[in-house]
Amino acid sequence: MLKPKPLRRGDTIGLVGISGAMHDPETRFEKMLETIDALGYRVIVADSCREEYGYLSGTDASRAKGLNQMFRDDRVDAVVCMRGGYGVARMLDRVDFDVIRANPKILLGYSDITALHTAIHEKAGLVTIHGPMPDRAWMEFDDFTRESMLRALTSTEPLGVLQNPEGMEPQCIVPGRCEGLLVGGNLSLIASACGTPYALDPTDKVLLLEDVGEYIYRLDAMLTQLRYAGMFEKCAGVVLGGFTDCTEEYERYALHLEDIIRDIIVPAGKPVLGNMSIGHTPTKITVPLGVRCAVDAGAGTLTMLETALEE
């Protein structure tokens, strides 16, 4: 795996709008730029950050153009996605993975950005960073989330054991230990990529899954799709992040998240560690993707074994 260089104070962020539109830019955009400046970074803004194409931050061509330009631009030290939402998958066939491979830089984002994390992992072999984005999150940082993100963006040492915030205990779902590259992210994006040129190959890797705002039967369908794709048989183990605001549509006929995990993931017999504060959780752990990690589900630990960033 290619590794990007760390981000230092005074470095320049290339801010890209590759997913949903910011629908009230007049009140939030300048505050977002002020927040980036307060962290000590300069910024170059892609045109699509200020565009709207319905629910998208610009057309497919505009969003992909901005992303490609930021990786190509020697002034840019890291590429940061403005926000999630929807739309990354639509533009993947316009992304220049050769340019990304030739210009390895930090890519930071999560949620809908999972589609790009996965595509870059498979097509460019570059370590990327799964963590909070400037729209809202950087403007509403708690100390834990800020420190976790800054450490992941700047440290040239292995991150070691990733600790949940105080009071949130990891859950051992299937005991056992495994090692492998950490891959994945948002469940709905991993599932929708199945059968496409950008599908994730989880073979001998640790599969991270999280989601938000889905009915339980929808999670059931997506996890079933991964099961039929052989992902739980192929992977070394599974780490489950937050499944925030995922509820039953009809309480009388409900299955619960624990039920579908037991029915769909557990039979593969791989170690499964749950309740990690990764993804759509109020307080977030920032994690590198494409970096070797170790899972000890019985001990409740996820440990990053190697550095994600290199000078």
C-alpha atoms as a PDB file:
ATOM      1  CA  MET A   1       0.000   0.000   0.000  1.00  0.00           C
ATOM      2  CA  LEU A   2       1.157   3.536  -0.814  1.00  0.00           C
ATOM      3  CA  LYS A   3       1.264   5.837   2.209  1.00  0.00           C
ATOM      4  CA  PRO A   4       0.729   9.600   2.116  1.00  0.00           C
ATOM      5  CA  LYS A   5       2.819  12.090   4.044  1.00  0.00           C
ATOM      6  CA  PRO A   6       1.507  13.523   7.336  1.00  0.00           C
ATOM      7  CA  LEU A   7      -0.326  16.848   7.464  1.00  0.00           C
ATOM      8  CA  ARG A   8       1.528  19.643   9.274  1.00  0.00           C
ATOM      9  CA  ARG A   9       0.405  23.064  10.489  1.00  0.00           C
ATOM     10  CA  GLY A  10       0.672  25.502   7.622  1.00  0.00           C
ATOM     11  CA  ASP A  11       0.060  22.799   5.003  1.00  0.00           C
ATOM     12  CA  THR A  12      -2.592  23.295   2.347  1.00  0.00           C
ATOM     13  CA  ILE A  13      -5.825  21.338   2.254  1.00  0.00           C
ATOM     14  CA  GLY A  14      -7.621  20.794  -1.037  1.00  0.00           C
ATOM     15  CA  LEU A  15     -11.311  20.967  -0.110  1.00  0.00           C
ATOM     16  CA  VAL A  16     -13.506  18.962  -2.493  1.00  0.00           C
ATOM     17  CA  GLY A  17     -17.258  18.700  -2.911  1.00  0.00           C
ATOM     18  CA  ILE A  18     -17.765  15.190  -4.293  1.00  0.00           C
ATOM     19  CA  SER A  19     -21.004  14.166  -2.616  1.00  0.00           C
ATOM     20  CA  GLY A  20     -24.038  16.107  -1.370  1.00  0.00           C
ATOM     21  CA  ALA A  21     -24.550  19.836  -1.769  1.00  0.00           C
ATOM     22  CA  MET A  22     -24.217  22.308   1.087  1.00  0.00           C
ATOM     23  CA  HIS A  23     -27.715  23.726   0.934  1.00  0.00           C
ATOM     24  CA  ASP A  24     -27.190  26.857   3.027  1.00  0.00           C
ATOM     25  CA  PRO A  25     -23.695  27.962   1.978  1.00  0.00           C
ATOM     26  CA  GLU A  26     -24.194  31.612   2.878  1.00  0.00           C
ATOM     27  CA  THR A  27     -24.381  30.861   6.595  1.00  0.00           C
ATOM     28  CA  ARG A  28     -22.029  27.875   6.841  1.00  0.00           C
ATOM     29  CA  PHE A  29     -19.339  28.063   4.184  1.00  0.00           C
ATOM     30  CA  GLU A  30     -17.362  30.961   5.627  1.00  0.00           C
ATOM     31  CA  LYS A  31     -17.598  29.487   9.122  1.00  0.00           C
ATOM     32  CA  MET A  32     -16.238  26.204   7.764  1.00  0.00           C
ATOM     33  CA  LEU A  33     -13.263  28.000   6.201  1.00  0.00           C
ATOM     34  CA  GLU A  34     -12.651  29.836   9.488  1.00  0.00           C
ATOM     35  CA  THR A  35     -12.617  26.498  11.302  1.00  0.00           C
ATOM     36  CA  ILE A  36     -10.011  25.084   8.900  1.00  0.00           C
ATOM     37  CA  ASP A  37      -7.895  28.213   9.377  1.00  0.00           C
ATOM     38  CA  ALA A  38      -8.154  27.900  13.169  1.00  0.00           C
ATOM     39  CA  LEU A  39      -6.655  24.414  12.956  1.00  0.00           C
ATOM     40  CA  GLY A  40      -3.628  25.927  11.226  1.00  0.00           C
ATOM     41  CA  TYR A  41      -4.232  24.890   7.618  1.00  0.00           C
ATOM     42  CA  ARG A  42      -4.495  26.839   4.413  1.00  0.00           C
ATOM     43  CA  VAL A  43      -7.150  25.811   1.922  1.00  0.00           C
ATOM     44  CA  ILE A  44      -7.795  25.665  -1.816  1.00  0.00           C
ATOM     45  CA  VAL A  45     -11.482  25.185  -2.599  1.00  0.00           C
ATOM     46  CA  ALA A  46     -12.720  23.122  -5.556  1.00  0.00           C
ATOM     47  CA  ASP A  47     -15.432  24.803  -7.617  1.00  0.00           C
ATOM     48  CA  SER A  48     -17.981  22.102  -6.869  1.00  0.00           C
ATOM     49  CA  CYS A  49     -17.907  22.956  -3.146  1.00  0.00           C
ATOM     50  CA  ARG A  50     -19.995  26.019  -3.985  1.00  0.00           C
ATOM     51  CA  GLU A  51     -22.179  24.404  -6.639  1.00  0.00           C
ATOM     52  CA  GLU A  52     -25.554  22.693  -6.497  1.00  0.00           C
ATOM     53  CA  TYR A  53     -26.924  20.149  -8.936  1.00  0.00           C
ATOM     54  CA  GLY A  54     -30.101  19.156  -7.143  1.00  0.00           C
ATOM     55  CA  TYR A  55     -28.982  17.176  -4.108  1.00  0.00           C
ATOM     56  CA  LEU A  56     -25.432  16.907  -5.497  1.00  0.00           C
ATOM     57  CA  SER A  57     -22.471  19.230  -5.030  1.00  0.00           C
ATOM     58  CA  GLY A  58     -22.093  19.799  -8.763  1.00  0.00           C
ATOM     59  CA  THR A  59     -22.430  17.548 -11.776  1.00  0.00           C
ATOM     60  CA  ASP A  60     -20.548  14.276 -11.957  1.00  0.00           C
ATOM     61  CA  ALA A  61     -18.002  15.888 -14.289  1.00  0.00           C
ATOM     62  CA  SER A  62     -17.471  18.909 -12.027  1.00  0.00           C
ATOM     63  CA  ARG A  63     -17.083  16.891  -8.842  1.00  0.00           C
ATOM     64  CA  ALA A  64     -14.621  14.436 -10.401  1.00  0.00           C
ATOM     65  CA  LYS A  65     -12.682  17.281 -12.028  1.00  0.00           C
ATOM     66  CA  GLY A  66     -12.164  18.970  -8.673  1.00  0.00           C
ATOM     67  CA  LEU A  67     -10.984  15.739  -7.049  1.00  0.00           C
ATOM     68  CA  ASN A  68      -8.536  14.963  -9.865  1.00  0.00           C
ATOM     69  CA  GLN A  69      -7.195  18.519  -9.807  1.00  0.00           C
ATOM     70  CA  MET A  70      -6.505  18.432  -6.074  1.00  0.00           C
ATOM     71  CA  PHE A  71      -4.457  15.246  -6.356  1.00  0.00           C
ATOM     72  CA  ARG A  72      -2.611  16.699  -9.352  1.00  0.00           C
ATOM     73  CA  ASP A  73      -1.926  20.111  -7.761  1.00  0.00           C
ATOM     74  CA  ASP A  74       1.528  20.232  -6.123  1.00  0.00           C
ATOM     75  CA  ARG A  75       0.373  23.003  -3.793  1.00  0.00           C
ATOM     76  CA  VAL A  76      -2.109  20.653  -2.117  1.00  0.00           C
ATOM     77  CA  ASP A  77      -0.838  18.497   0.751  1.00  0.00           C
ATOM     78  CA  ALA A  78      -4.064  16.661   1.650  1.00  0.00           C
ATOM     79  CA  VAL A  79      -7.488  16.218   0.069  1.00  0.00           C
ATOM     80  CA  VAL A  80     -10.419  16.702   2.446  1.00  0.00           C
ATOM     81  CA  CYS A  81     -14.020  15.982   1.497  1.00  0.00           C
ATOM     82  CA  MET A  82     -16.373  18.807   2.471  1.00  0.00           C
ATOM     83  CA  ARG A  83     -19.291  16.556   3.423  1.00  0.00           C
ATOM     84  CA  GLY A  84     -21.040  13.268   2.705  1.00  0.00           C
ATOM     85  CA  GLY A  85     -24.604  12.696   1.571  1.00  0.00           C
ATOM     86  CA  TYR A  86     -24.919  10.950  -1.761  1.00  0.00           C
ATOM     87  CA  GLY A  87     -23.217  10.999  -5.137  1.00  0.00           C
ATOM     88  CA  VAL A  88     -19.667   9.643  -5.001  1.00  0.00           C
ATOM     89  CA  ALA A  89     -20.556   6.354  -6.680  1.00  0.00           C
ATOM     90  CA  ARG A  90     -21.966   8.239  -9.698  1.00  0.00           C
ATOM     91  CA  MET A  91     -18.604   9.804 -10.559  1.00  0.00           C
ATOM     92  CA  LEU A  92     -16.159   6.949  -9.915  1.00  0.00           C
ATOM     93  CA  ASP A  93     -15.769   6.232 -13.641  1.00  0.00           C
ATOM     94  CA  ARG A  94     -14.451   9.801 -14.016  1.00  0.00           C
ATOM     95  CA  VAL A  95     -11.843   9.558 -11.259  1.00  0.00           C
ATOM     96  CA  ASP A  96      -8.230   9.394 -12.497  1.00  0.00           C
ATOM     97  CA  PHE A  97      -6.761   6.652 -10.333  1.00  0.00           C
ATOM     98  CA  ASP A  98      -3.423   6.915 -12.167  1.00  0.00           C
ATOM     99  CA  VAL A  99      -3.131  10.521 -10.986  1.00  0.00           C
ATOM    100  CA  ILE A 100      -3.984   9.476  -7.420  1.00  0.00           C
ATOM    101  CA  ARG A 101      -1.414   6.693  -7.508  1.00  0.00           C
ATOM    102  CA  ALA A 102       1.255   9.072  -8.845  1.00  0.00           C
ATOM    103  CA  ASN A 103       0.464  11.743  -6.232  1.00  0.00           C
ATOM    104  CA  PRO A 104      -0.241   9.958  -2.945  1.00  0.00           C
ATOM    105  CA  LYS A 105      -1.913  12.352  -0.499  1.00  0.00           C
ATOM    106  CA  ILE A 106      -4.158  12.046   2.519  1.00  0.00           C
ATOM    107  CA  LEU A 107      -7.813  11.626   1.584  1.00  0.00           C
ATOM    108  CA  LEU A 108     -10.134  12.302   4.528  1.00  0.00           C
ATOM    109  CA  GLY A 109     -13.863  11.583   4.705  1.00  0.00           C
ATOM    110  CA  TYR A 110     -16.454   8.986   5.678  1.00  0.00           C
ATOM    111  CA  SER A 111     -20.096   8.048   5.046  1.00  0.00           C
ATOM    112  CA  ASP A 112     -20.724   8.433   1.280  1.00  0.00           C
ATOM    113  CA  ILE A 113     -16.952   8.856   0.842  1.00  0.00           C
ATOM    114  CA  THR A 114     -16.711   5.105   1.547  1.00  0.00           C
ATOM    115  CA  ALA A 115     -17.307   4.585  -2.183  1.00  0.00           C
ATOM    116  CA  LEU A 116     -14.108   6.523  -2.936  1.00  0.00           C
ATOM    117  CA  HIS A 117     -12.114   4.907  -0.105  1.00  0.00           C
ATOM    118  CA  THR A 118     -12.963   1.495  -1.520  1.00  0.00           C
ATOM    119  CA  ALA A 119     -12.268   2.447  -5.138  1.00  0.00           C
ATOM    120  CA  ILE A 120      -8.907   4.021  -4.252  1.00  0.00           C
ATOM    121  CA  HIS A 121      -7.962   0.955  -2.201  1.00  0.00           C
ATOM    122  CA  GLU A 122      -8.717  -1.359  -5.112  1.00  0.00           C
ATOM    123  CA  LYS A 123      -7.555   0.837  -8.032  1.00  0.00           C
ATOM    124  CA  ALA A 124      -4.674   2.893  -6.593  1.00  0.00           C
ATOM    125  CA  GLY A 125      -3.485   1.000  -3.513  1.00  0.00           C
ATOM    126  CA  LEU A 126      -3.344   4.153  -1.364  1.00  0.00           C
ATOM    127  CA  VAL A 127      -3.952   4.346   2.377  1.00  0.00           C
ATOM    128  CA  THR A 128      -6.874   6.718   3.104  1.00  0.00           C
ATOM    129  CA  ILE A 129      -8.361   8.162   6.292  1.00  0.00           C
ATOM    130  CA  HIS A 130     -11.897   7.445   7.539  1.00  0.00           C
ATOM    131  CA  GLY A 131     -12.866  10.419   9.677  1.00  0.00           C
ATOM    132  CA  PRO A 132     -14.950  13.573  10.149  1.00  0.00           C
ATOM    133  CA  MET A 133     -15.424  16.241   7.490  1.00  0.00           C
ATOM    134  CA  PRO A 134     -15.447  20.047   7.842  1.00  0.00           C
ATOM    135  CA  ASP A 135     -19.127  20.669   7.146  1.00  0.00           C
ATOM    136  CA  ARG A 136     -20.718  20.477  10.600  1.00  0.00           C
ATOM    137  CA  ALA A 137     -18.259  18.054  12.238  1.00  0.00           C
ATOM    138  CA  TRP A 138     -15.201  20.330  12.351  1.00  0.00           C
ATOM    139  CA  MET A 139     -17.413  23.201  13.505  1.00  0.00           C
ATOM    140  CA  GLU A 140     -18.890  21.076  16.322  1.00  0.00           C
ATOM    141  CA  PHE A 141     -15.803  19.190  17.479  1.00  0.00           C
ATOM    142  CA  ASP A 142     -15.644  17.597  20.891  1.00  0.00           C
ATOM    143  CA  ASP A 143     -12.140  17.178  22.294  1.00  0.00           C
ATOM    144  CA  PHE A 144     -12.016  13.410  21.750  1.00  0.00           C
ATOM    145  CA  THR A 145     -13.023  13.621  18.078  1.00  0.00           C
ATOM    146  CA  ARG A 146     -10.640  16.499  17.347  1.00  0.00           C
ATOM    147  CA  GLU A 147      -7.657  14.808  18.975  1.00  0.00           C
ATOM    148  CA  SER A 148      -8.366  11.470  17.292  1.00  0.00           C
ATOM    149  CA  MET A 149      -8.561  13.124  13.872  1.00  0.00           C
ATOM    150  CA  LEU A 150      -5.452  15.273  14.305  1.00  0.00           C
ATOM    151  CA  ARG A 151      -3.454  12.291  15.550  1.00  0.00           C
ATOM    152  CA  ALA A 152      -4.506  10.199  12.552  1.00  0.00           C
ATOM    153  CA  LEU A 153      -3.599  13.026  10.142  1.00  0.00           C
ATOM    154  CA  THR A 154      -0.202  13.823  11.663  1.00  0.00           C
ATOM    155  CA  SER A 155       1.328  10.766  13.342  1.00  0.00           C
ATOM    156  CA  THR A 156       4.114   8.826  11.659  1.00  0.00           C
ATOM    157  CA  GLU A 157       3.907   6.185  14.391  1.00  0.00           C
ATOM    158  CA  PRO A 158       1.395   3.314  14.520  1.00  0.00           C
ATOM    159  CA  LEU A 159      -1.783   4.490  16.247  1.00  0.00           C
ATOM    160  CA  GLY A 160      -1.812   1.406  18.477  1.00  0.00           C
ATOM    161  CA  VAL A 161      -4.955   0.452  20.403  1.00  0.00           C
ATOM    162  CA  LEU A 162      -7.903   2.608  19.346  1.00  0.00           C
ATOM    163  CA  GLN A 163      -9.772   3.576  22.489  1.00  0.00           C
ATOM    164  CA  ASN A 164     -13.502   4.280  22.571  1.00  0.00           C
ATOM    165  CA  PRO A 165     -14.634   7.434  24.398  1.00  0.00           C
ATOM    166  CA  GLU A 166     -15.153   6.984  28.121  1.00  0.00           C
ATOM    167  CA  GLY A 167     -18.308   5.084  28.976  1.00  0.00           C
ATOM    168  CA  MET A 168     -18.646   3.313  25.615  1.00  0.00           C
ATOM    169  CA  GLU A 169     -17.480  -0.280  25.904  1.00  0.00           C
ATOM    170  CA  PRO A 170     -16.524  -2.389  22.866  1.00  0.00           C
ATOM    171  CA  GLN A 171     -18.587  -5.545  22.510  1.00  0.00           C
ATOM    172  CA  CYS A 172     -17.274  -9.044  21.874  1.00  0.00           C
ATOM    173  CA  ILE A 173     -19.767 -10.656  19.493  1.00  0.00           C
ATOM    174  CA  VAL A 174     -17.607 -13.570  18.318  1.00  0.00           C
ATOM    175  CA  PRO A 175     -14.397 -14.103  20.317  1.00  0.00           C
ATOM    176  CA  GLY A 176     -11.115 -14.605  18.536  1.00  0.00           C
ATOM    177  CA  ARG A 177      -8.075 -12.835  17.129  1.00  0.00           C
ATOM    178  CA  CYS A 178      -7.130 -11.870  13.604  1.00  0.00           C
ATOM    179  CA  GLU A 179      -4.871  -9.537  11.635  1.00  0.00           C
ATOM    180  CA  GLY A 180      -5.243  -7.893   8.245  1.00  0.00           C
ATOM    181  CA  LEU A 181      -5.598  -4.607   6.411  1.00  0.00           C
ATOM    182  CA  LEU A 182      -8.507  -2.564   7.748  1.00  0.00           C
ATOM    183  CA  VAL A 183     -11.003  -1.846   4.953  1.00  0.00           C
ATOM    184  CA  GLY A 184     -14.639  -0.855   4.555  1.00  0.00           C
ATOM    185  CA  GLY A 185     -16.772   1.891   6.047  1.00  0.00           C
ATOM    186  CA  ASN A 186     -20.417   2.611   5.400  1.00  0.00           C
ATOM    187  CA  LEU A 187     -22.400  -0.612   4.919  1.00  0.00           C
ATOM    188  CA  SER A 188     -24.797   0.763   2.306  1.00  0.00           C
ATOM    189  CA  LEU A 189     -21.905   1.878   0.078  1.00  0.00           C
ATOM    190  CA  ILE A 190     -20.037  -1.419   0.455  1.00  0.00           C
ATOM    191  CA  ALA A 191     -23.206  -3.320  -0.471  1.00  0.00           C
ATOM    192  CA  SER A 192     -24.115  -1.116  -3.442  1.00  0.00           C
ATOM    193  CA  ALA A 193     -20.633  -1.565  -4.925  1.00  0.00           C
ATOM    194  CA  CYS A 194     -21.022  -5.353  -5.110  1.00  0.00           C
ATOM    195  CA  GLY A 195     -20.957  -6.489  -8.738  1.00  0.00           C
ATOM    196  CA  THR A 196     -19.344  -3.253  -9.955  1.00  0.00           C
ATOM    197  CA  PRO A 197     -15.725  -2.569 -10.999  1.00  0.00           C
ATOM    198  CA  TYR A 198     -15.304  -0.807  -7.628  1.00  0.00           C
ATOM    199  CA  ALA A 199     -16.357  -3.688  -5.377  1.00  0.00           C
ATOM    200  CA  LEU A 200     -14.306  -4.294  -2.253  1.00  0.00           C
ATOM    201  CA  ASP A 201     -12.221  -7.463  -2.057  1.00  0.00           C
ATOM    202  CA  PRO A 202     -12.143  -8.311   1.673  1.00  0.00           C
ATOM    203  CA  THR A 203      -9.955 -11.415   1.357  1.00  0.00           C
ATOM    204  CA  ASP A 204      -7.844 -11.797   4.530  1.00  0.00           C
ATOM    205  CA  LYS A 205      -8.740  -8.238   5.561  1.00  0.00           C
ATOM    206  CA  VAL A 206     -10.573  -6.809   8.559  1.00  0.00           C
ATOM    207  CA  LEU A 207     -13.950  -5.534   7.406  1.00  0.00           C
ATOM    208  CA  LEU A 208     -15.232  -2.344   9.068  1.00  0.00           C
ATOM    209  CA  LEU A 209     -18.977  -1.698   8.792  1.00  0.00           C
ATOM    210  CA  GLU A 210     -21.179   1.133  10.090  1.00  0.00           C
ATOM    211  CA  ASP A 211     -24.345   2.953   9.027  1.00  0.00           C
ATOM    212  CA  VAL A 212     -26.952   5.528   9.946  1.00  0.00           C
ATOM    213  CA  GLY A 213     -30.678   6.087   9.568  1.00  0.00           C
ATOM    214  CA  GLU A 214     -31.587   2.716   8.046  1.00  0.00           C
ATOM    215  CA  TYR A 215     -34.503   0.490   8.992  1.00  0.00           C
ATOM    216  CA  ILE A 216     -33.356  -2.837  10.401  1.00  0.00           C
ATOM    217  CA  TYR A 217     -34.793  -4.753   7.430  1.00  0.00           C
ATOM    218  CA  ARG A 218     -32.608  -2.609   5.135  1.00  0.00           C
ATOM    219  CA  LEU A 219     -29.523  -3.524   7.161  1.00  0.00           C
ATOM    220  CA  ASP A 220     -30.666  -7.154   6.904  1.00  0.00           C
ATOM    221  CA  ALA A 221     -30.818  -6.868   3.105  1.00  0.00           C
ATOM    222  CA  MET A 222     -27.404  -5.223   2.826  1.00  0.00           C
ATOM    223  CA  LEU A 223     -25.687  -7.685   5.152  1.00  0.00           C
ATOM    224  CA  THR A 224     -27.346 -10.538   3.268  1.00  0.00           C
ATOM    225  CA  GLN A 225     -25.910  -9.138   0.048  1.00  0.00           C
ATOM    226  CA  LEU A 226     -22.427  -9.160   1.606  1.00  0.00           C
ATOM    227  CA  ARG A 227     -22.991 -12.724   2.797  1.00  0.00           C
ATOM    228  CA  TYR A 228     -23.993 -13.889  -0.684  1.00  0.00           C
ATOM    229  CA  ALA A 229     -20.934 -12.084  -2.067  1.00  0.00           C
ATOM    230  CA  GLY A 230     -18.800 -14.223   0.254  1.00  0.00           C
ATOM    231  CA  MET A 231     -17.435 -11.291   2.212  1.00  0.00           C
ATOM    232  CA  PHE A 232     -17.842 -12.779   5.667  1.00  0.00           C
ATOM    233  CA  GLU A 233     -16.239 -16.042   4.556  1.00  0.00           C
ATOM    234  CA  LYS A 234     -13.326 -14.274   2.843  1.00  0.00           C
ATOM    235  CA  CYS A 235     -12.510 -11.651   5.476  1.00  0.00           C
ATOM    236  CA  ALA A 236     -10.241 -12.206   8.473  1.00  0.00           C
ATOM    237  CA  GLY A 237     -12.659 -10.573  10.899  1.00  0.00           C
ATOM    238  CA  VAL A 238     -15.313  -7.896  11.308  1.00  0.00           C
ATOM    239  CA  VAL A 239     -15.369  -4.624  13.238  1.00  0.00           C
ATOM    240  CA  LEU A 240     -18.760  -2.957  13.704  1.00  0.00           C
ATOM    241  CA  GLY A 241     -18.886   0.791  14.248  1.00  0.00           C
ATOM    242  CA  GLY A 242     -21.951   2.845  15.020  1.00  0.00           C
ATOM    243  CA  PHE A 243     -25.372   1.910  13.654  1.00  0.00           C
ATOM    244  CA  THR A 244     -26.949   5.192  14.646  1.00  0.00           C
ATOM    245  CA  ASP A 245     -30.695   5.805  14.405  1.00  0.00           C
ATOM    246  CA  CYS A 246     -31.232   2.376  12.838  1.00  0.00           C
ATOM    247  CA  THR A 247     -34.686   1.365  13.992  1.00  0.00           C
ATOM    248  CA  GLU A 248     -37.499  -1.099  13.357  1.00  0.00           C
ATOM    249  CA  GLU A 249     -40.088   0.041  10.814  1.00  0.00           C
ATOM    250  CA  TYR A 250     -42.874  -1.898  12.563  1.00  0.00           C
ATOM    251  CA  GLU A 251     -42.240  -2.611  16.229  1.00  0.00           C
ATOM    252  CA  ARG A 252     -44.728  -5.501  16.319  1.00  0.00           C
ATOM    253  CA  TYR A 253     -42.792  -7.438  13.657  1.00  0.00           C
ATOM    254  CA  ALA A 254     -39.341  -6.326  14.704  1.00  0.00           C
ATOM    255  CA  LEU A 255     -36.029  -8.048  14.481  1.00  0.00           C
ATOM    256  CA  HIS A 256     -33.234  -6.211  16.240  1.00  0.00           C
ATOM    257  CA  LEU A 257     -29.711  -5.422  15.049  1.00  0.00           C
ATOM    258  CA  GLU A 258     -28.352  -8.118  17.362  1.00  0.00           C
ATOM    259  CA  ASP A 259     -30.651 -10.664  15.686  1.00  0.00           C
ATOM    260  CA  ILE A 260     -29.462  -9.989  12.145  1.00  0.00           C
ATOM    261  CA  ILE A 261     -25.810  -9.888  13.187  1.00  0.00           C
ATOM    262  CA  ARG A 262     -26.294 -13.286  14.849  1.00  0.00           C
ATOM    263  CA  ASP A 263     -28.122 -14.681  11.805  1.00  0.00           C
ATOM    264  CA  ILE A 264     -25.938 -13.276   9.013  1.00  0.00           C
ATOM    265  CA  ILE A 265     -22.414 -12.444  10.252  1.00  0.00           C
ATOM    266  CA  VAL A 266     -21.794 -14.797  13.164  1.00  0.00           C
ATOM    267  CA  PRO A 267     -22.148 -18.117  11.235  1.00  0.00           C
ATOM    268  CA  ALA A 268     -18.957 -17.359   9.272  1.00  0.00           C
ATOM    269  CA  GLY A 269     -17.080 -17.977  12.528  1.00  0.00           C
ATOM    270  CA  LYS A 270     -14.759 -14.982  12.190  1.00  0.00           C
ATOM    271  CA  PRO A 271     -13.882 -12.724  15.128  1.00  0.00           C
ATOM    272  CA  VAL A 272     -16.469  -9.935  15.427  1.00  0.00           C
ATOM    273  CA  LEU A 273     -15.855  -6.835  17.539  1.00  0.00           C
ATOM    274  CA  GLY A 274     -18.821  -4.503  17.955  1.00  0.00           C
ATOM    275  CA  ASN A 275     -19.786  -1.104  19.375  1.00  0.00           C
ATOM    276  CA  MET A 276     -16.696   0.780  18.248  1.00  0.00           C
ATOM    277  CA  SER A 277     -17.169   4.556  18.097  1.00  0.00           C
ATOM    278  CA  ILE A 278     -16.442   4.769  14.373  1.00  0.00           C
ATOM    279  CA  GLY A 279     -18.669   6.322  11.733  1.00  0.00           C
ATOM    280  CA  HIS A 280     -21.970   8.097  12.391  1.00  0.00           C
ATOM    281  CA  THR A 281     -21.441   8.377  16.128  1.00  0.00           C
ATOM    282  CA  PRO A 282     -21.539  11.667  18.052  1.00  0.00           C
ATOM    283  CA  THR A 283     -17.929  11.124  19.141  1.00  0.00           C
ATOM    284  CA  LYS A 284     -15.716   9.596  16.468  1.00  0.00           C
ATOM    285  CA  ILE A 285     -12.504   7.632  16.215  1.00  0.00           C
ATOM    286  CA  THR A 286     -10.596   8.478  13.035  1.00  0.00           C
ATOM    287  CA  VAL A 287      -9.065   5.359  11.484  1.00  0.00           C
ATOM    288  CA  PRO A 288      -6.709   4.736   8.556  1.00  0.00           C
ATOM    289  CA  LEU A 289      -7.945   2.327   5.891  1.00  0.00           C
ATOM    290  CA  GLY A 290      -5.497   0.037   4.108  1.00  0.00           C
ATOM    291  CA  VAL A 291      -3.278  -0.295   7.199  1.00  0.00           C
ATOM    292  CA  ARG A 292      -2.565  -3.562   8.988  1.00  0.00           C
ATOM    293  CA  CYS A 293      -4.477  -3.991  12.227  1.00  0.00           C
ATOM    294  CA  ALA A 294      -5.158  -6.649  14.843  1.00  0.00           C
ATOM    295  CA  VAL A 295      -8.530  -7.497  16.353  1.00  0.00           C
ATOM    296  CA  ASP A 296      -8.874  -9.285  19.690  1.00  0.00           C
ATOM    297  CA  ALA A 297     -12.626  -9.480  20.071  1.00  0.00           C
ATOM    298  CA  GLY A 298     -12.461 -11.186  23.441  1.00  0.00           C
ATOM    299  CA  ALA A 299     -10.297  -8.394  24.836  1.00  0.00           C
ATOM    300  CA  GLY A 300     -12.357  -5.758  23.038  1.00  0.00           C
ATOM    301  CA  THR A 301      -9.407  -4.236  21.189  1.00  0.00           C
ATOM    302  CA  LEU A 302      -8.705  -2.914  17.701  1.00  0.00           C
ATOM    303  CA  THR A 303      -4.999  -2.173  17.309  1.00  0.00           C
ATOM    304  CA  MET A 304      -3.306  -0.432  14.382  1.00  0.00           C
ATOM    305  CA  LEU A 305      -0.030  -2.275  13.866  1.00  0.00           C
ATOM    306  CA  GLU A 306       1.709  -0.087  11.312  1.00  0.00           C
ATOM    307  CA  THR A 307       1.971   3.563  10.458  1.00  0.00           C
ATOM    308  CA  ALA A 308      -0.465   5.027   7.969  1.00  0.00           C
ATOM    309  CA  LEU A 309       1.700   8.036   7.083  1.00  0.00           C
ATOM    310  CA  GLU A 310       5.314   8.366   6.003  1.00  0.00           C
ATOM    311  CA  GLU A 311       7.580  11.394   5.632  1.00  0.00           C
END
